[in-house]
Structures are given as structure tokens and as C-alpha cells.
Amino acid sequence: MGLLTWLIIGGLAGWVAGLVVKGRGFGLLGNIVIGIIGALLGGWLAGAVLNIQDPVSGFNLATFIVALLGAIILLYLVKILRFR
């Protein structure tokens, strides 16, 4: 998957994750950055833990869901670590 697709999917996932995880966001730009990192995390988790072959395969719904789940997980983790 190309860098531009990662940025678009991750940005969208970060924005939606900020809406899903109400009260735990970091602003629009912060959520987008966390979404991009979360997309990488979600892709790694789907491949390593769930043994899904090629979990991030382009601009499609499955890729978005993987990125969204990674962004939500990362938002929770960052929020927990931020307040410790």
C-alpha cells in the first residue's frame, strides 16, 4: 500500500476514532496523527496476532476497519499513559 493511501486511510481512521472515543481525543490534528500510527498498529496486529494475510490491501472497507481499530486502541493507550 502506498504512502498516500496510508495517510488518507490513517487520517480518516483517526478522525472517526476521535468521534468514537468521545472525550479522549487530542484535537483534529492529533487524532489524525494517532490515526496514521494506529493504522500501522492495526495492520501489524491483524497480521501478527490474528494471522490475517495482507490485512492492509489498499483503499477498501477492510483496510479502513483495521486502521480504525488500531487508532481506537492507540487513542485509549495514549490517554491512559498521558494521565499517569
N, C-alpha and C. Protein backbone atom coordinates (compact mmCIF):
# COMPACT_ATOMS: atom_id res chain seq x y z
N MET A 1 0.86 -1.17 0.00
CA MET A 1 0.00 0.00 0.00
C MET A 1 0.89 1.22 0.00
N GLY A 2 0.55 2.20 -0.80
CA GLY A 2 1.37 3.38 -0.93
C GLY A 2 1.26 4.32 0.26
N LEU A 3 2.23 5.20 0.37
CA LEU A 3 2.28 6.15 1.47
C LEU A 3 1.07 7.07 1.47
N LEU A 4 0.64 7.52 0.32
CA LEU A 4 -0.52 8.41 0.25
C LEU A 4 -1.78 7.71 0.75
N THR A 5 -1.95 6.44 0.42
CA THR A 5 -3.10 5.69 0.89
C THR A 5 -3.05 5.52 2.40
N TRP A 6 -1.85 5.25 2.95
CA TRP A 6 -1.69 5.16 4.41
C TRP A 6 -2.12 6.46 5.07
N LEU A 7 -1.70 7.57 4.51
CA LEU A 7 -2.03 8.87 5.09
C LEU A 7 -3.53 9.14 5.04
N ILE A 8 -4.16 8.82 3.93
CA ILE A 8 -5.60 9.07 3.78
C ILE A 8 -6.39 8.15 4.70
N ILE A 9 -6.12 6.86 4.65
CA ILE A 9 -6.84 5.90 5.49
C ILE A 9 -6.58 6.20 6.97
N GLY A 10 -5.33 6.44 7.33
CA GLY A 10 -4.99 6.73 8.72
C GLY A 10 -5.62 8.02 9.21
N GLY A 11 -5.65 9.04 8.36
CA GLY A 11 -6.29 10.30 8.73
C GLY A 11 -7.78 10.14 8.96
N LEU A 12 -8.43 9.44 8.06
CA LEU A 12 -9.87 9.17 8.23
C LEU A 12 -10.13 8.32 9.47
N ALA A 13 -9.31 7.32 9.68
CA ALA A 13 -9.48 6.45 10.85
C ALA A 13 -9.27 7.23 12.14
N GLY A 14 -8.30 8.12 12.15
CA GLY A 14 -8.06 8.94 13.33
C GLY A 14 -9.20 9.88 13.63
N TRP A 15 -9.77 10.45 12.60
CA TRP A 15 -10.90 11.36 12.76
C TRP A 15 -12.11 10.60 13.32
N VAL A 16 -12.41 9.45 12.73
CA VAL A 16 -13.55 8.65 13.19
C VAL A 16 -13.28 8.10 14.59
N ALA A 17 -12.05 7.69 14.87
CA ALA A 17 -11.72 7.18 16.20
C ALA A 17 -11.91 8.28 17.25
N GLY A 18 -11.60 9.52 16.91
CA GLY A 18 -11.83 10.63 17.82
C GLY A 18 -13.31 10.83 18.12
N LEU A 19 -14.16 10.54 17.14
CA LEU A 19 -15.60 10.63 17.36
C LEU A 19 -16.12 9.46 18.18
N VAL A 20 -15.55 8.28 17.95
CA VAL A 20 -15.98 7.08 18.66
C VAL A 20 -15.55 7.14 20.13
N VAL A 21 -14.33 7.56 20.37
CA VAL A 21 -13.77 7.62 21.71
C VAL A 21 -13.98 9.04 22.24
N LYS A 22 -15.21 9.35 22.53
CA LYS A 22 -15.56 10.72 22.95
C LYS A 22 -14.86 11.07 24.25
N GLY A 23 -14.41 12.32 24.29
CA GLY A 23 -13.74 12.80 25.49
C GLY A 23 -12.31 12.34 25.63
N ARG A 24 -11.82 11.59 24.69
CA ARG A 24 -10.46 11.07 24.77
C ARG A 24 -9.63 11.46 23.56
N GLY A 25 -10.08 12.45 22.83
CA GLY A 25 -9.36 12.85 21.64
C GLY A 25 -8.27 13.86 21.93
N PHE A 26 -7.50 14.17 20.94
CA PHE A 26 -6.39 15.11 21.06
C PHE A 26 -6.50 16.21 20.02
N GLY A 27 -7.71 16.57 19.67
CA GLY A 27 -7.91 17.56 18.63
C GLY A 27 -7.84 16.91 17.26
N LEU A 28 -8.26 17.64 16.26
CA LEU A 28 -8.32 17.08 14.91
C LEU A 28 -6.95 16.63 14.42
N LEU A 29 -5.96 17.48 14.52
CA LEU A 29 -4.63 17.13 14.01
C LEU A 29 -4.01 15.99 14.82
N GLY A 30 -4.16 16.03 16.14
CA GLY A 30 -3.63 14.96 16.99
C GLY A 30 -4.28 13.62 16.69
N ASN A 31 -5.61 13.64 16.47
CA ASN A 31 -6.31 12.40 16.15
C ASN A 31 -5.88 11.85 14.79
N ILE A 32 -5.63 12.72 13.84
CA ILE A 32 -5.18 12.27 12.52
C ILE A 32 -3.80 11.61 12.62
N VAL A 33 -2.90 12.24 13.38
CA VAL A 33 -1.56 11.65 13.56
C VAL A 33 -1.67 10.31 14.28
N ILE A 34 -2.48 10.25 15.33
CA ILE A 34 -2.68 9.00 16.05
C ILE A 34 -3.34 7.97 15.13
N GLY A 35 -4.23 8.42 14.25
CA GLY A 35 -4.87 7.51 13.30
C GLY A 35 -3.89 6.90 12.33
N ILE A 36 -2.94 7.68 11.86
CA ILE A 36 -1.92 7.17 10.94
C ILE A 36 -1.05 6.13 11.64
N ILE A 37 -0.64 6.45 12.86
CA ILE A 37 0.15 5.48 13.63
C ILE A 37 -0.71 4.27 13.99
N GLY A 38 -1.99 4.52 14.31
CA GLY A 38 -2.91 3.43 14.63
C GLY A 38 -3.16 2.52 13.45
N ALA A 39 -3.15 3.07 12.24
CA ALA A 39 -3.30 2.25 11.04
C ALA A 39 -2.13 1.28 10.92
N LEU A 40 -0.94 1.75 11.21
CA LEU A 40 0.23 0.87 11.21
C LEU A 40 0.10 -0.19 12.30
N LEU A 41 -0.33 0.23 13.49
CA LEU A 41 -0.52 -0.70 14.60
C LEU A 41 -1.59 -1.73 14.28
N GLY A 42 -2.71 -1.28 13.72
CA GLY A 42 -3.79 -2.20 13.37
C GLY A 42 -3.36 -3.20 12.31
N GLY A 43 -2.62 -2.75 11.33
CA GLY A 43 -2.11 -3.66 10.30
C GLY A 43 -1.16 -4.70 10.88
N TRP A 44 -0.30 -4.25 11.79
CA TRP A 44 0.62 -5.19 12.42
C TRP A 44 -0.13 -6.19 13.29
N LEU A 45 -1.08 -5.70 14.10
CA LEU A 45 -1.85 -6.60 14.97
C LEU A 45 -2.65 -7.62 14.17
N ALA A 46 -3.27 -7.18 13.09
CA ALA A 46 -4.07 -8.09 12.27
C ALA A 46 -3.19 -9.17 11.65
N GLY A 47 -1.98 -8.81 11.27
CA GLY A 47 -1.08 -9.80 10.68
C GLY A 47 -0.43 -10.70 11.71
N ALA A 48 0.04 -10.12 12.81
CA ALA A 48 0.80 -10.88 13.80
C ALA A 48 -0.09 -11.68 14.74
N VAL A 49 -1.14 -11.07 15.25
CA VAL A 49 -1.96 -11.71 16.27
C VAL A 49 -3.06 -12.57 15.64
N LEU A 50 -3.75 -12.02 14.65
CA LEU A 50 -4.88 -12.73 14.04
C LEU A 50 -4.47 -13.56 12.83
N ASN A 51 -3.20 -13.47 12.42
CA ASN A 51 -2.66 -14.22 11.30
C ASN A 51 -3.44 -13.98 10.00
N ILE A 52 -3.84 -12.73 9.79
CA ILE A 52 -4.53 -12.35 8.56
C ILE A 52 -3.47 -11.96 7.53
N GLN A 53 -3.51 -12.61 6.40
CA GLN A 53 -2.56 -12.31 5.34
C GLN A 53 -2.95 -11.02 4.63
N ASP A 54 -2.03 -10.10 4.52
CA ASP A 54 -2.22 -8.82 3.84
C ASP A 54 -3.45 -8.07 4.37
N PRO A 55 -3.45 -7.69 5.67
CA PRO A 55 -4.62 -7.03 6.26
C PRO A 55 -4.86 -5.63 5.71
N VAL A 56 -3.82 -5.02 5.19
CA VAL A 56 -3.95 -3.68 4.62
C VAL A 56 -3.63 -3.79 3.15
N SER A 57 -4.69 -3.83 2.34
CA SER A 57 -4.50 -4.17 0.94
C SER A 57 -4.99 -3.09 -0.01
N GLY A 58 -5.02 -1.87 0.41
CA GLY A 58 -5.45 -0.79 -0.46
C GLY A 58 -6.57 0.01 0.15
N PHE A 59 -7.22 0.78 -0.66
CA PHE A 59 -8.27 1.68 -0.20
C PHE A 59 -9.60 0.95 -0.27
N ASN A 60 -9.95 0.23 0.82
CA ASN A 60 -11.20 -0.51 0.87
C ASN A 60 -11.72 -0.56 2.30
N LEU A 61 -12.88 -1.14 2.51
CA LEU A 61 -13.52 -1.15 3.82
C LEU A 61 -12.73 -1.97 4.84
N ALA A 62 -12.20 -3.11 4.44
CA ALA A 62 -11.45 -3.94 5.37
C ALA A 62 -10.22 -3.20 5.89
N THR A 63 -9.53 -2.51 5.02
CA THR A 63 -8.36 -1.74 5.43
C THR A 63 -8.76 -0.63 6.38
N PHE A 64 -9.88 0.03 6.10
CA PHE A 64 -10.35 1.11 6.96
C PHE A 64 -10.70 0.57 8.35
N ILE A 65 -11.33 -0.58 8.42
CA ILE A 65 -11.71 -1.16 9.71
C ILE A 65 -10.47 -1.53 10.51
N VAL A 66 -9.47 -2.11 9.86
CA VAL A 66 -8.22 -2.44 10.53
C VAL A 66 -7.56 -1.17 11.07
N ALA A 67 -7.51 -0.12 10.26
CA ALA A 67 -6.91 1.14 10.68
C ALA A 67 -7.72 1.79 11.80
N LEU A 68 -9.04 1.72 11.72
CA LEU A 68 -9.89 2.31 12.74
C LEU A 68 -9.71 1.60 14.08
N LEU A 69 -9.68 0.29 14.08
CA LEU A 69 -9.46 -0.45 15.32
C LEU A 69 -8.10 -0.13 15.93
N GLY A 70 -7.09 -0.04 15.09
CA GLY A 70 -5.76 0.33 15.58
C GLY A 70 -5.74 1.74 16.16
N ALA A 71 -6.46 2.67 15.52
CA ALA A 71 -6.50 4.04 16.01
C ALA A 71 -7.25 4.13 17.33
N ILE A 72 -8.34 3.39 17.47
CA ILE A 72 -9.10 3.38 18.73
C ILE A 72 -8.25 2.81 19.86
N ILE A 73 -7.57 1.70 19.60
CA ILE A 73 -6.69 1.10 20.60
C ILE A 73 -5.60 2.09 21.01
N LEU A 74 -5.00 2.73 20.03
CA LEU A 74 -3.91 3.67 20.31
C LEU A 74 -4.42 4.90 21.06
N LEU A 75 -5.61 5.39 20.73
CA LEU A 75 -6.17 6.53 21.45
C LEU A 75 -6.35 6.19 22.93
N TYR A 76 -6.88 5.01 23.21
CA TYR A 76 -7.05 4.59 24.60
C TYR A 76 -5.70 4.47 25.30
N LEU A 77 -4.72 3.86 24.65
CA LEU A 77 -3.40 3.68 25.26
C LEU A 77 -2.72 5.02 25.55
N VAL A 78 -2.78 5.92 24.58
CA VAL A 78 -2.15 7.23 24.76
C VAL A 78 -2.85 8.00 25.88
N LYS A 79 -4.16 7.91 25.95
CA LYS A 79 -4.91 8.59 27.00
C LYS A 79 -4.56 8.04 28.38
N ILE A 80 -4.45 6.71 28.49
CA ILE A 80 -4.09 6.10 29.77
C ILE A 80 -2.68 6.52 30.18
N LEU A 81 -1.74 6.47 29.26
CA LEU A 81 -0.36 6.82 29.59
C LEU A 81 -0.19 8.32 29.84
N ARG A 82 -1.01 9.12 29.21
CA ARG A 82 -0.92 10.57 29.35
C ARG A 82 -1.31 11.02 30.76
N PHE A 83 -2.24 10.34 31.39
CA PHE A 83 -2.72 10.74 32.70
C PHE A 83 -2.06 10.00 33.85
N ARG A 84 -1.04 9.23 33.58
CA ARG A 84 -0.32 8.54 34.65
C ARG A 84 0.73 9.41 35.23
